[in-house]
N, C-alpha and C. Protein backbone atom coordinates (compact mmCIF):
# COMPACT_ATOMS: atom_id res chain seq x y z
N MET A 1 55.95 -211.34 61.12
CA MET A 1 55.74 -211.28 62.52
C MET A 1 54.86 -211.02 63.22
N THR A 2 54.30 -211.82 64.03
CA THR A 2 53.17 -211.49 65.00
C THR A 2 53.29 -210.54 66.19
N THR A 3 51.95 -209.69 66.38
CA THR A 3 52.28 -208.90 67.29
C THR A 3 52.32 -209.13 68.56
N HIS A 4 52.60 -210.72 68.69
CA HIS A 4 52.86 -211.08 70.03
C HIS A 4 54.58 -211.51 70.29
N GLU A 5 55.03 -211.21 68.60
CA GLU A 5 56.16 -211.47 68.45
C GLU A 5 57.17 -210.42 68.85
N ARG A 6 56.55 -209.11 68.49
CA ARG A 6 57.23 -207.66 68.75
C ARG A 6 57.44 -207.43 69.90
N PRO A 7 56.56 -207.65 71.12
CA PRO A 7 56.56 -207.70 72.25
C PRO A 7 57.95 -208.07 72.84
N LEU A 8 57.79 -210.19 72.91
CA LEU A 8 58.85 -210.77 73.28
C LEU A 8 59.94 -209.79 72.54
N ARG A 9 60.50 -209.59 71.21
CA ARG A 9 61.57 -209.72 70.47
C ARG A 9 61.82 -208.08 71.36
N ALA A 10 61.52 -206.89 71.54
CA ALA A 10 61.94 -205.94 72.26
C ALA A 10 62.06 -206.65 73.59
N TRP A 11 61.34 -207.11 74.32
CA TRP A 11 61.87 -207.62 76.20
C TRP A 11 63.23 -208.55 75.87
N LEU A 12 63.22 -209.17 75.00
CA LEU A 12 64.37 -210.16 74.81
C LEU A 12 66.00 -208.92 74.46
N GLY A 13 65.70 -207.82 73.66
CA GLY A 13 66.11 -207.24 73.49
C GLY A 13 66.87 -206.41 74.50
N LEU A 14 65.57 -205.97 75.38
CA LEU A 14 66.37 -205.33 76.50
C LEU A 14 67.04 -206.23 77.55
N ALA A 15 66.24 -207.28 77.81
CA ALA A 15 67.53 -208.02 78.52
C ALA A 15 68.51 -208.39 77.92
N VAL A 16 69.05 -208.82 76.90
CA VAL A 16 70.24 -208.47 75.97
C VAL A 16 71.46 -207.50 76.66
N PHE A 17 70.81 -206.56 75.82
CA PHE A 17 71.68 -205.12 76.59
C PHE A 17 71.50 -205.34 77.88
N LEU A 18 70.49 -205.00 78.93
CA LEU A 18 71.46 -205.25 79.94
C LEU A 18 72.67 -206.01 80.28
N ALA A 19 71.82 -207.34 80.03
CA ALA A 19 72.67 -208.28 80.49
C ALA A 19 74.50 -208.10 79.97
N VAL A 20 74.45 -207.13 78.82
CA VAL A 20 75.73 -206.76 78.51
C VAL A 20 76.38 -205.61 79.41
N ALA A 21 75.57 -204.80 79.50
CA ALA A 21 76.15 -203.91 80.22
C ALA A 21 76.16 -204.07 81.85
N PHE A 22 75.41 -204.83 82.60
CA PHE A 22 75.63 -205.65 84.03
C PHE A 22 76.98 -206.24 84.01
N ALA A 23 77.17 -206.69 82.59
CA ALA A 23 78.43 -207.97 82.16
C ALA A 23 79.76 -207.30 82.09
N ALA A 24 80.09 -205.50 82.36
CA ALA A 24 81.20 -204.99 82.05
C ALA A 24 81.22 -204.63 83.48
N GLY A 25 80.12 -204.48 84.16
CA GLY A 25 79.85 -204.15 85.58
C GLY A 25 80.45 -205.01 86.26
N TRP A 26 80.06 -206.36 86.44
CA TRP A 26 80.57 -207.62 86.50
C TRP A 26 82.26 -208.15 86.48
N VAL A 27 82.60 -207.88 85.10
CA VAL A 27 83.89 -207.90 84.62
C VAL A 27 84.84 -207.16 85.66
N GLY A 28 84.52 -205.60 85.75
CA GLY A 28 85.06 -204.57 86.10
C GLY A 28 85.34 -205.07 87.57
N SER A 29 84.22 -206.08 88.03
CA SER A 29 84.48 -205.99 89.70
C SER A 29 85.45 -207.11 90.18
N ALA A 30 85.54 -208.16 89.43
CA ALA A 30 86.33 -209.19 88.86
C ALA A 30 87.64 -208.86 88.90
N VAL A 31 87.82 -207.89 88.31
CA VAL A 31 89.43 -207.98 87.48
C VAL A 31 90.00 -206.75 88.90
N GLN A 32 89.21 -206.09 90.02
CA GLN A 32 89.83 -205.08 90.54
C GLN A 32 90.61 -205.81 91.91
N GLY A 33 90.60 -206.79 92.21
CA GLY A 33 90.97 -207.14 93.21
C GLY A 33 90.13 -207.28 94.58
N GLU A 34 90.95 -208.16 95.44
CA GLU A 34 89.95 -207.87 96.58
C GLU A 34 90.32 -206.81 97.50
N ASN A 35 89.44 -206.71 98.62
CA ASN A 35 88.84 -205.78 99.19
C ASN A 35 89.43 -204.33 98.96
N VAL A 36 88.68 -203.80 97.92
CA VAL A 36 88.47 -202.38 97.16
C VAL A 36 88.57 -201.53 98.06
N ALA A 37 87.16 -201.97 99.39
CA ALA A 37 86.62 -201.18 99.89
C ALA A 37 87.81 -200.26 100.80
N ALA A 38 88.32 -201.57 101.42
CA ALA A 38 89.38 -201.29 102.50
C ALA A 38 90.52 -200.51 102.00
N ARG A 39 90.85 -200.56 100.53
CA ARG A 39 91.97 -199.88 99.87
C ARG A 39 91.76 -198.66 99.39
N TYR A 40 90.32 -198.70 98.82
CA TYR A 40 89.69 -197.02 98.68
C TYR A 40 90.35 -196.31 100.33
N LEU A 41 89.58 -196.57 101.12
CA LEU A 41 89.86 -195.86 102.13
C LEU A 41 91.10 -195.63 102.67
N ALA A 42 92.06 -196.05 102.15
CA ALA A 42 93.17 -196.67 102.69
C ALA A 42 94.24 -194.97 101.57
N PHE A 43 93.59 -194.96 100.34
CA PHE A 43 93.97 -193.79 99.74
C PHE A 43 94.05 -193.05 100.47
N GLU A 44 94.71 -191.35 100.06
CA GLU A 44 95.02 -190.59 100.42
C GLU A 44 93.97 -189.94 98.97
N ARG A 45 92.58 -189.23 99.77
CA ARG A 45 91.71 -188.73 98.91
C ARG A 45 91.56 -187.16 99.01
N PRO A 46 91.18 -186.55 98.43
CA PRO A 46 90.63 -184.70 97.89
C PRO A 46 89.55 -185.38 99.18
N ALA A 47 89.15 -184.10 99.48
CA ALA A 47 87.95 -183.70 100.34
C ALA A 47 86.77 -183.96 99.37
N TRP A 48 86.84 -183.63 98.37
CA TRP A 48 85.45 -184.06 97.82
C TRP A 48 85.28 -185.45 96.84
N ALA A 49 86.30 -186.46 97.44
CA ALA A 49 85.85 -187.69 97.08
C ALA A 49 84.75 -187.82 97.93
N PRO A 50 83.80 -189.09 96.67
CA PRO A 50 82.51 -189.76 97.55
C PRO A 50 83.01 -190.37 98.38
N PRO A 51 82.22 -190.68 99.16
CA PRO A 51 82.42 -191.65 100.08
C PRO A 51 82.48 -193.36 99.69
N GLN A 52 83.06 -194.58 100.28
CA GLN A 52 83.48 -195.45 99.37
C GLN A 52 81.48 -196.47 98.96
N GLU A 53 80.65 -196.23 100.10
CA GLU A 53 79.87 -196.87 100.09
C GLU A 53 78.78 -196.03 98.45
N ALA A 54 79.23 -194.95 97.90
CA ALA A 54 78.03 -194.57 96.98
C ALA A 54 78.56 -195.16 95.63
N PHE A 55 79.68 -195.79 95.42
CA PHE A 55 79.89 -196.55 94.58
C PHE A 55 78.83 -197.80 94.12
N GLY A 56 78.60 -198.26 95.04
CA GLY A 56 77.62 -199.34 95.18
C GLY A 56 76.35 -198.75 94.85
N ILE A 57 75.70 -198.16 95.12
CA ILE A 57 74.85 -196.98 94.78
C ILE A 57 74.83 -196.67 93.38
N VAL A 58 75.70 -195.76 93.38
CA VAL A 58 75.62 -195.29 92.00
C VAL A 58 76.04 -196.03 90.53
N TRP A 59 76.95 -196.78 90.63
CA TRP A 59 76.93 -197.68 89.61
C TRP A 59 75.87 -198.98 88.85
N PRO A 60 75.17 -199.61 89.91
CA PRO A 60 73.98 -200.21 89.29
C PRO A 60 72.93 -199.63 88.87
N VAL A 61 72.61 -198.55 89.48
CA VAL A 61 71.85 -197.08 88.56
C VAL A 61 72.30 -197.21 87.19
N LEU A 62 73.87 -196.14 86.87
CA LEU A 62 74.09 -196.06 86.01
C LEU A 62 74.52 -197.56 84.60
N TYR A 63 74.53 -198.58 85.34
CA TYR A 63 74.47 -200.02 84.02
C TYR A 63 73.42 -199.92 83.82
N LEU A 64 72.56 -199.49 84.25
CA LEU A 64 70.90 -199.82 84.00
C LEU A 64 70.33 -198.63 82.97
N MET A 65 71.10 -197.46 83.01
CA MET A 65 70.67 -196.30 82.17
C MET A 65 71.76 -197.41 80.75
N ILE A 66 73.07 -197.24 81.03
CA ILE A 66 73.44 -197.64 79.95
C ILE A 66 72.80 -198.84 78.85
N GLY A 67 72.30 -199.89 79.61
CA GLY A 67 71.88 -200.95 78.94
C GLY A 67 70.16 -200.57 78.08
N VAL A 68 69.58 -199.75 79.03
CA VAL A 68 68.42 -198.89 78.56
C VAL A 68 68.94 -198.26 77.41
N ALA A 69 69.66 -197.03 77.74
CA ALA A 69 69.91 -196.55 76.45
C ALA A 69 70.19 -197.23 74.81
N ALA A 70 71.05 -197.54 75.07
CA ALA A 70 71.38 -199.10 73.94
C ALA A 70 69.71 -199.62 73.45
N TRP A 71 69.48 -200.23 74.24
CA TRP A 71 68.00 -200.71 73.93
C TRP A 71 67.08 -199.75 73.12
N GLN A 72 66.76 -198.80 74.13
CA GLN A 72 65.84 -197.62 73.31
C GLN A 72 66.76 -197.20 71.53
N LEU A 73 68.03 -197.38 71.70
CA LEU A 73 68.10 -197.03 70.69
C LEU A 73 68.39 -198.10 69.33
N TRP A 74 68.45 -199.19 69.57
CA TRP A 74 67.97 -200.66 69.19
C TRP A 74 66.62 -200.41 68.69
N ARG A 75 65.92 -200.16 69.54
CA ARG A 75 64.38 -200.75 69.44
C ARG A 75 63.67 -199.43 68.43
N ARG A 76 64.41 -198.70 68.59
CA ARG A 76 63.92 -197.54 66.70
C ARG A 76 64.43 -197.38 66.09
N SER A 77 65.09 -198.34 65.78
CA SER A 77 66.25 -197.99 64.26
C SER A 77 65.43 -199.11 63.54
N PRO A 78 65.57 -198.68 62.09
CA PRO A 78 64.83 -199.19 60.80
C PRO A 78 65.36 -201.12 61.10
N GLY A 79 67.20 -201.22 61.59
CA GLY A 79 67.73 -202.26 61.75
C GLY A 79 69.11 -202.13 61.83
N VAL A 80 69.60 -203.01 62.60
CA VAL A 80 71.16 -202.98 63.31
C VAL A 80 71.66 -202.33 62.59
N GLY A 81 71.93 -202.21 61.03
CA GLY A 81 73.21 -201.85 60.52
C GLY A 81 73.23 -200.30 60.25
N ALA A 82 71.69 -200.06 60.50
CA ALA A 82 71.27 -198.47 61.43
C ALA A 82 71.89 -197.88 61.93
N VAL A 83 72.65 -198.46 63.30
CA VAL A 83 73.28 -197.80 64.38
C VAL A 83 74.09 -198.62 64.37
N ALA A 84 74.58 -199.33 63.80
CA ALA A 84 76.09 -200.14 64.05
C ALA A 84 77.37 -199.45 64.74
N THR A 85 77.19 -198.61 64.21
CA THR A 85 78.54 -197.54 64.62
C THR A 85 77.81 -197.24 66.10
N ALA A 86 77.15 -196.51 66.06
CA ALA A 86 76.35 -196.62 67.51
C ALA A 86 76.53 -197.27 68.42
N LEU A 87 75.91 -198.76 68.45
CA LEU A 87 76.26 -199.72 68.83
C LEU A 87 77.74 -200.28 69.22
N SER A 88 78.57 -199.94 67.87
CA SER A 88 80.16 -200.56 68.52
C SER A 88 80.77 -199.41 69.22
N LEU A 89 80.50 -198.27 69.21
CA LEU A 89 80.72 -197.35 70.40
C LEU A 89 80.38 -197.81 71.73
N TRP A 90 79.33 -198.26 71.73
CA TRP A 90 78.52 -198.35 72.53
C TRP A 90 79.49 -199.34 73.58
N LEU A 91 79.45 -200.24 72.82
CA LEU A 91 80.24 -201.67 73.34
C LEU A 91 81.86 -201.44 73.51
N GLY A 92 82.32 -200.55 72.95
CA GLY A 92 83.61 -200.18 72.79
C GLY A 92 83.51 -199.88 74.26
N GLN A 93 83.02 -198.94 74.58
CA GLN A 93 82.81 -198.19 75.84
C GLN A 93 82.58 -198.77 77.21
N LEU A 94 81.87 -200.36 77.28
CA LEU A 94 81.94 -200.75 77.91
C LEU A 94 83.39 -201.57 77.80
N VAL A 95 84.00 -202.06 76.98
CA VAL A 95 84.59 -202.99 77.74
C VAL A 95 86.21 -202.19 78.39
N LEU A 96 86.37 -200.97 78.09
CA LEU A 96 87.46 -199.70 78.94
C LEU A 96 86.67 -200.06 80.18
N ASN A 97 85.48 -199.74 80.20
CA ASN A 97 84.64 -199.43 81.56
C ASN A 97 85.16 -200.73 82.18
N ALA A 98 85.12 -201.83 81.74
CA ALA A 98 85.80 -203.07 82.30
C ALA A 98 86.94 -203.38 82.64
N VAL A 99 88.00 -202.85 81.97
CA VAL A 99 89.20 -202.74 82.09
C VAL A 99 90.25 -201.86 83.31
N TRP A 100 89.01 -200.67 83.18
CA TRP A 100 89.51 -199.32 84.57
C TRP A 100 89.61 -199.94 85.81
N PRO A 101 88.82 -200.68 86.22
CA PRO A 101 88.97 -201.43 87.34
C PRO A 101 90.14 -202.18 88.14
N GLY A 102 90.49 -202.95 86.76
CA GLY A 102 91.50 -203.97 86.98
C GLY A 102 92.79 -203.03 86.98
N VAL A 103 93.09 -201.93 85.94
CA VAL A 103 93.73 -201.22 86.08
C VAL A 103 94.41 -200.40 87.41
N PHE A 104 93.05 -199.77 87.52
CA PHE A 104 93.13 -198.64 88.97
C PHE A 104 93.47 -199.32 90.27
N PHE A 105 92.30 -200.55 90.39
CA PHE A 105 92.28 -200.93 91.87
C PHE A 105 92.92 -202.29 91.73
N GLY A 106 93.13 -202.83 90.92
CA GLY A 106 94.00 -204.03 90.80
C GLY A 106 95.10 -203.90 90.56
N ALA A 107 96.17 -203.21 89.66
CA ALA A 107 97.19 -202.49 89.55
C ALA A 107 97.78 -201.57 90.58
N GLU A 108 97.04 -201.00 91.04
CA GLU A 108 97.17 -199.33 91.35
C GLU A 108 98.10 -198.63 90.48
N GLU A 109 97.56 -198.74 89.52
CA GLU A 109 98.33 -198.40 88.37
C GLU A 109 97.22 -196.72 88.06
N PHE A 110 98.19 -195.87 88.65
CA PHE A 110 97.11 -194.60 88.85
C PHE A 110 97.17 -193.81 87.45
N ALA A 111 98.39 -193.65 87.03
CA ALA A 111 98.89 -192.85 85.50
C ALA A 111 98.15 -193.96 84.47
N LEU A 112 98.34 -195.06 84.51
CA LEU A 112 97.83 -195.54 83.25
C LEU A 112 96.19 -195.98 83.46
N ALA A 113 95.66 -195.94 84.73
CA ALA A 113 94.51 -195.80 84.94
C ALA A 113 93.74 -194.35 84.18
N LEU A 114 94.85 -193.50 84.72
CA LEU A 114 93.95 -192.02 83.84
C LEU A 114 93.75 -192.17 82.60
N ALA A 115 94.90 -192.91 81.90
CA ALA A 115 95.10 -192.88 80.47
C ALA A 115 93.74 -193.51 79.86
N VAL A 116 93.28 -194.40 80.83
CA VAL A 116 92.49 -195.46 80.42
C VAL A 116 91.08 -194.45 80.36
N ILE A 117 90.97 -194.20 81.42
CA ILE A 117 89.61 -193.24 81.92
C ILE A 117 89.51 -192.24 80.49
N VAL A 118 90.75 -190.97 80.44
CA VAL A 118 90.44 -190.27 79.35
C VAL A 118 89.42 -191.19 78.03
N VAL A 119 90.23 -192.00 77.68
CA VAL A 119 90.19 -192.32 76.72
C VAL A 119 88.26 -193.02 76.48
N LEU A 120 88.08 -193.46 77.54
CA LEU A 120 86.87 -193.87 78.08
C LEU A 120 85.95 -192.86 78.05
N ASP A 121 86.06 -191.66 78.33
CA ASP A 121 85.52 -190.38 78.54
C ASP A 121 85.16 -190.07 76.70
N VAL A 122 86.49 -189.94 76.63
CA VAL A 122 85.92 -189.64 74.89
C VAL A 122 85.12 -190.40 74.31
N LEU A 123 85.48 -191.75 74.33
CA LEU A 123 84.33 -192.75 73.72
C LEU A 123 82.83 -192.46 74.57
N VAL A 124 82.73 -192.90 75.32
CA VAL A 124 81.45 -192.58 75.75
C VAL A 124 80.99 -190.62 75.62
N GLY A 125 81.62 -189.64 75.49
CA GLY A 125 81.01 -188.42 74.70
C GLY A 125 80.96 -188.69 73.72
N ALA A 126 81.64 -189.85 72.66
CA ALA A 126 81.38 -189.78 71.13
C ALA A 126 80.00 -190.45 70.77
N THR A 127 79.86 -191.54 71.76
CA THR A 127 78.49 -192.85 72.20
C THR A 127 77.66 -191.46 71.91
N VAL A 128 77.34 -190.74 73.06
CA VAL A 128 76.50 -189.93 73.15
C VAL A 128 76.32 -188.89 72.19
N LEU A 129 77.04 -188.23 71.43
CA LEU A 129 77.11 -187.53 70.40
C LEU A 129 75.91 -188.53 69.12
N VAL A 130 76.62 -189.72 68.86
CA VAL A 130 76.22 -190.50 67.60
C VAL A 130 74.51 -190.82 68.44
N PHE A 131 74.50 -191.25 69.54
CA PHE A 131 73.37 -191.49 69.81
C PHE A 131 72.19 -190.41 69.40
N ALA A 132 72.45 -189.91 69.68
CA ALA A 132 72.22 -188.33 70.16
C ALA A 132 71.59 -188.03 68.48
N ARG A 133 72.15 -188.62 67.26
CA ARG A 133 71.43 -188.26 65.86
C ARG A 133 70.76 -188.97 65.68
N ARG A 134 70.37 -190.58 66.24
CA ARG A 134 69.40 -191.05 66.51
C ARG A 134 68.24 -190.94 67.01
N ASP A 135 68.62 -190.65 68.40
CA ASP A 135 67.76 -191.00 69.63
C ASP A 135 67.75 -190.23 70.64
N ARG A 136 67.44 -188.76 70.54
CA ARG A 136 67.69 -188.34 71.82
C ARG A 136 67.50 -188.52 73.39
N VAL A 137 66.74 -189.35 73.14
CA VAL A 137 66.50 -189.79 74.60
C VAL A 137 67.41 -190.98 75.33
N ALA A 138 67.90 -191.90 74.12
CA ALA A 138 68.96 -193.09 74.32
C ALA A 138 70.24 -192.09 74.74
N ALA A 139 70.49 -191.03 73.96
CA ALA A 139 71.15 -190.18 73.96
C ALA A 139 71.82 -189.92 76.03
N ALA A 140 70.26 -189.12 76.00
CA ALA A 140 70.12 -188.88 77.40
C ALA A 140 69.91 -189.19 78.69
N LEU A 141 69.58 -190.73 78.16
CA LEU A 141 70.43 -191.84 79.44
C LEU A 141 71.40 -192.32 79.43
N LEU A 142 72.59 -191.36 78.43
CA LEU A 142 74.44 -191.68 78.97
C LEU A 142 74.70 -190.82 79.34
N VAL A 143 73.97 -189.34 79.56
CA VAL A 143 74.35 -188.48 79.94
C VAL A 143 75.15 -188.40 81.84
N PRO A 144 74.57 -189.11 82.47
CA PRO A 144 74.71 -188.68 83.90
C PRO A 144 75.61 -190.19 83.86
N TYR A 145 76.12 -191.31 83.01
CA TYR A 145 77.08 -191.78 82.98
C TYR A 145 78.31 -190.91 82.91
N LEU A 146 78.10 -190.60 81.63
CA LEU A 146 79.64 -189.40 81.13
C LEU A 146 79.63 -188.35 82.02
N LEU A 147 78.91 -187.40 82.67
CA LEU A 147 78.91 -186.74 83.93
C LEU A 147 79.45 -187.57 84.87
N TRP A 148 79.36 -188.56 85.22
CA TRP A 148 79.86 -189.22 86.89
C TRP A 148 81.54 -190.33 86.24
N LEU A 149 81.55 -190.26 84.80
CA LEU A 149 82.96 -190.50 84.03
C LEU A 149 83.95 -189.25 84.24
N LEU A 150 83.37 -188.01 84.52
CA LEU A 150 84.02 -187.03 83.89
C LEU A 150 84.67 -186.26 85.97
N TYR A 151 83.83 -187.24 86.65
CA TYR A 151 83.62 -186.95 87.87
C TYR A 151 85.41 -187.60 88.26
N ALA A 152 85.09 -189.24 87.70
CA ALA A 152 85.92 -190.14 88.38
C ALA A 152 87.25 -189.90 87.96
N THR A 153 87.23 -189.46 86.70
CA THR A 153 88.36 -188.81 85.78
C THR A 153 89.03 -188.03 86.88
N ALA A 154 88.29 -187.14 87.29
CA ALA A 154 88.96 -185.97 88.09
C ALA A 154 89.81 -186.55 89.28
N LEU A 155 89.00 -187.61 89.81
CA LEU A 155 88.99 -188.49 90.91
C LEU A 155 90.60 -189.62 90.97
N ASN A 156 90.25 -189.70 89.74
CA ASN A 156 91.72 -190.63 89.29
C ASN A 156 92.81 -189.61 89.55
N ALA A 157 92.96 -188.40 88.93
CA ALA A 157 94.04 -187.60 88.62
C ALA A 157 94.53 -186.97 90.10
N ALA A 158 93.65 -186.99 90.72
CA ALA A 158 93.61 -186.45 92.37
C ALA A 158 93.92 -187.62 92.99
N LEU A 159 93.95 -188.67 92.71
CA LEU A 159 94.52 -190.30 93.34
C LEU A 159 96.11 -190.37 92.80
N LEU A 160 96.08 -189.69 91.61
CA LEU A 160 97.45 -190.07 91.15
C LEU A 160 98.55 -188.79 92.03
N VAL A 161 98.13 -188.03 91.96
CA VAL A 161 98.90 -186.77 92.58
C VAL A 161 99.18 -187.43 94.16
N LEU A 162 98.09 -187.31 94.65
CA LEU A 162 98.05 -187.30 96.27
C LEU A 162 98.87 -188.78 96.90
N ASN A 163 99.08 -189.64 96.03
CA ASN A 163 99.58 -191.08 95.97
C ASN A 163 100.74 -191.57 95.55
């Protein structure tokens, strides 16, 4: 491999990981249905619920960090096989990330959504731990996502009780 191919491979890798992370967000948006902002505002919410506008700010940043985390792990590894388990967990949690909005907003099945997000929490926690064994920076990039998900889990539970 020439010196010019390595940087190109790294940038292409970054583009792929970002595309996959943002695709999860896109799918989640597509399955959540119409008028999500209005429906969210119509729910009875706890006093500590974020304003509806927060989601449009927080999620793009988190998807960026999720993509960069996987890229960081991949580019620092000796090969994909060395990080196959970690990347499988990463991909699995993105699938659940894409499913949850459809269950919560699309179907308004708050109890089922709570079950989905709890499994998502566990998968992301496992992903952080597995990433940390290989690359602490990659793991650290996922921690804000895990914290936001735990907050979202509490909010999901509160909305289940209140609605």
